[in-house]
Amino acid sequence: MSDDRKYKQRGYQESDRPSGPRPDRPSAPKPEREPGAPAGARRISSEGARNPRMMTSRQVARCSRCGTIVDAEIMSRSKCPKCQVDLRSCVQCVNFDPSASLECAERIPARVSPKDVANDCALFSGRTSFERETTAAVSQNPKEPTGAKKAFDDLFKF
């Protein structure tokens, strides 16, 4: 190491660092992510889950207009139960891309317009997403309060 450097801190130049993995740390392979799963989800190894309190995820389909959860199996004349918009339309398709040519990621011979009306496109595939499961288990008795209301009521029991 020469003293003609501008900065004298150790590690400032690459030549001071040893190349390769650090010998004091064993390198363990990371578990691979399942295809299509959220970034935080890892495959469960034989030792069990990495974080037991990590929320599970589920695959859901939502209406593009109102956001209501709908059946992932979209039939030709399916409609949203809340807003009655056609579900087999371009805006519900996984290939819908407003910035692409003809607003479709796939090559189509002619523009389909309007995009929120039912059509019989052969390339249609319903758009689904992975969401974290955040709801607690539903109690069997619907009259019984759950969650925060139950905890509040439990404070004042004598």
Protein backbone atom coordinates (compact mmCIF):
# COMPACT_ATOMS: atom_id res chain seq x y z
CA MET A 1 0.00 0.00 0.00
CA SER A 2 1.50 3.30 -1.03
CA ASP A 3 1.09 6.56 0.87
CA ASP A 4 0.57 8.73 -2.22
CA ARG A 5 -3.18 8.14 -2.22
CA LYS A 6 -5.52 11.04 -1.62
CA TYR A 7 -7.56 9.16 0.99
CA LYS A 8 -5.85 6.96 3.52
CA GLN A 9 -8.93 4.96 4.57
CA ARG A 10 -8.68 1.24 4.30
CA GLY A 11 -10.84 -0.27 1.57
CA TYR A 12 -10.98 2.91 -0.52
CA GLN A 13 -9.43 1.21 -3.51
CA GLU A 14 -10.41 -2.17 -4.89
CA SER A 15 -6.86 -3.49 -4.70
CA ASP A 16 -7.04 -3.47 -0.87
CA ARG A 17 -9.97 -5.88 -0.81
CA PRO A 18 -9.53 -9.61 -1.18
CA SER A 19 -11.42 -10.96 -4.14
CA GLY A 20 -14.08 -13.66 -3.83
CA PRO A 21 -16.39 -14.62 -0.96
CA ARG A 22 -15.42 -13.67 2.57
CA PRO A 23 -13.71 -16.58 4.33
CA ASP A 24 -15.24 -15.75 7.73
CA ARG A 25 -18.82 -16.14 6.43
CA PRO A 26 -20.10 -19.45 5.12
CA SER A 27 -22.20 -18.95 2.02
CA ALA A 28 -25.53 -20.74 2.31
CA PRO A 29 -27.73 -20.92 -0.78
CA LYS A 30 -30.93 -18.88 -0.54
CA PRO A 31 -34.19 -20.73 -1.09
CA GLU A 32 -35.67 -20.02 -4.48
CA ARG A 33 -38.85 -18.03 -4.96
CA GLU A 34 -41.84 -19.85 -6.40
CA PRO A 35 -42.71 -18.63 -9.91
CA GLY A 36 -45.45 -16.01 -9.72
CA ALA A 37 -45.27 -15.68 -5.92
CA PRO A 38 -44.66 -12.34 -4.16
CA ALA A 39 -41.07 -11.32 -3.52
CA GLY A 40 -41.26 -12.09 0.22
CA ALA A 41 -42.54 -15.62 -0.28
CA ARG A 42 -39.94 -18.37 -0.24
CA ARG A 43 -40.27 -22.08 -0.64
CA ILE A 44 -40.71 -23.83 2.68
CA SER A 45 -37.75 -26.04 3.41
CA SER A 46 -37.65 -29.16 5.57
CA GLU A 47 -36.92 -26.99 8.64
CA GLY A 48 -40.22 -25.14 8.21
CA ALA A 49 -41.15 -21.58 7.36
CA ARG A 50 -38.53 -18.87 7.73
CA ASN A 51 -40.89 -16.50 9.53
CA PRO A 52 -43.87 -18.16 11.23
CA ARG A 53 -45.81 -14.88 11.41
CA MET A 54 -45.48 -14.11 7.70
CA MET A 55 -48.83 -13.68 6.03
CA THR A 56 -49.85 -16.19 3.42
CA SER A 57 -50.72 -15.09 -0.08
CA ARG A 58 -53.54 -16.07 -2.39
CA GLN A 59 -54.23 -15.61 -6.07
CA VAL A 60 -57.33 -13.53 -6.80
CA ALA A 61 -59.07 -11.93 -9.76
CA ARG A 62 -60.60 -8.48 -9.31
CA CYS A 63 -63.02 -6.43 -11.35
CA SER A 64 -61.11 -3.72 -13.22
CA ARG A 65 -63.79 -1.11 -12.54
CA CYS A 66 -64.84 -1.55 -8.88
CA GLY A 67 -62.17 -3.92 -7.47
CA THR A 68 -64.60 -6.60 -6.27
CA ILE A 69 -63.11 -10.09 -6.02
CA VAL A 70 -64.58 -12.23 -8.81
CA ASP A 71 -64.25 -15.87 -9.84
CA ALA A 72 -60.93 -16.45 -11.62
CA GLU A 73 -62.65 -18.72 -14.15
CA ILE A 74 -64.18 -16.08 -16.43
CA MET A 75 -66.83 -17.37 -18.80
CA SER A 76 -67.95 -15.67 -22.03
CA ARG A 77 -70.89 -13.77 -20.50
CA SER A 78 -69.66 -13.31 -16.93
CA LYS A 79 -70.48 -10.03 -15.23
CA CYS A 80 -69.22 -8.41 -12.05
CA PRO A 81 -71.73 -9.07 -9.23
CA LYS A 82 -71.38 -5.48 -7.94
CA CYS A 83 -71.11 -3.13 -10.95
CA GLN A 84 -72.36 -5.47 -13.73
CA VAL A 85 -69.40 -4.75 -16.08
CA ASP A 86 -68.48 -7.54 -18.53
CA LEU A 87 -65.57 -9.59 -17.20
CA ARG A 88 -64.50 -11.15 -20.51
CA SER A 89 -63.27 -7.87 -21.94
CA CYS A 90 -59.92 -6.40 -22.90
CA VAL A 91 -59.48 -4.45 -19.65
CA GLN A 92 -59.69 -7.72 -17.67
CA CYS A 93 -57.13 -9.49 -19.88
CA VAL A 94 -53.54 -10.14 -18.85
CA ASN A 95 -52.43 -8.92 -22.32
CA PHE A 96 -54.10 -5.49 -21.99
CA ASP A 97 -51.43 -2.79 -22.27
CA PRO A 98 -52.51 0.82 -22.99
CA SER A 99 -49.00 1.74 -24.17
CA ALA A 100 -48.73 -1.12 -26.71
CA SER A 101 -49.83 -1.10 -30.31
CA LEU A 102 -53.61 -1.61 -30.52
CA GLU A 103 -53.54 -1.67 -26.69
CA CYS A 104 -52.64 -5.37 -26.61
CA ALA A 105 -49.34 -7.06 -25.73
CA GLU A 106 -50.07 -9.78 -28.31
CA ARG A 107 -50.26 -9.27 -32.06
CA ILE A 108 -53.89 -8.88 -33.08
CA PRO A 109 -55.15 -8.23 -36.63
CA ALA A 110 -57.54 -5.38 -35.75
CA ARG A 111 -58.20 -3.03 -32.87
CA VAL A 112 -60.92 -4.13 -30.44
CA SER A 113 -63.01 -1.18 -29.34
CA PRO A 114 -64.45 -0.43 -26.78
CA LYS A 115 -62.15 -2.20 -24.34
CA ASP A 116 -64.68 -2.68 -21.51
CA VAL A 117 -67.34 -4.54 -23.52
CA ALA A 118 -67.47 -8.34 -23.78
CA ASN A 119 -65.66 -9.90 -26.75
CA ASP A 120 -64.63 -13.37 -27.89
CA CYS A 121 -60.91 -12.80 -28.35
CA ALA A 122 -59.00 -16.09 -28.66
CA LEU A 123 -56.00 -14.61 -26.80
CA PHE A 124 -58.03 -13.69 -23.69
CA SER A 125 -56.58 -14.79 -20.37
CA GLY A 126 -58.03 -13.40 -17.13
CA ARG A 127 -55.73 -11.16 -15.10
CA THR A 128 -55.05 -12.37 -11.56
CA SER A 129 -52.78 -11.06 -8.86
CA PHE A 130 -51.21 -12.32 -5.65
CA GLU A 131 -52.45 -10.65 -2.50
CA ARG A 132 -51.52 -11.15 1.10
CA GLU A 133 -54.08 -12.91 3.25
CA THR A 134 -54.83 -10.34 5.96
CA THR A 135 -58.22 -11.47 7.24
CA ALA A 136 -58.56 -13.47 10.43
CA ALA A 137 -60.58 -16.64 10.69
CA VAL A 138 -64.32 -15.97 10.73
CA SER A 139 -66.15 -17.11 13.86
CA GLN A 140 -68.93 -19.66 13.58
CA ASN A 141 -71.37 -17.42 15.48
CA PRO A 142 -72.13 -14.26 13.44
CA LYS A 143 -73.65 -12.52 16.51
CA GLU A 144 -70.35 -12.76 18.40
CA PRO A 145 -68.07 -9.69 17.92
CA THR A 146 -64.56 -10.35 16.63
CA GLY A 147 -61.24 -8.54 16.50
CA ALA A 148 -60.94 -5.08 18.04
CA LYS A 149 -64.57 -4.93 19.21
CA LYS A 150 -64.16 -8.20 21.14
CA ALA A 151 -60.91 -6.98 22.72
CA PHE A 152 -62.61 -3.72 23.75
CA ASP A 153 -65.57 -5.56 25.27
CA ASP A 154 -63.21 -7.88 27.16
CA LEU A 155 -61.70 -4.87 28.93
CA PHE A 156 -64.94 -4.15 30.77
CA LYS A 157 -65.97 -7.66 31.83
CA PHE A 158 -66.26 -8.14 35.58
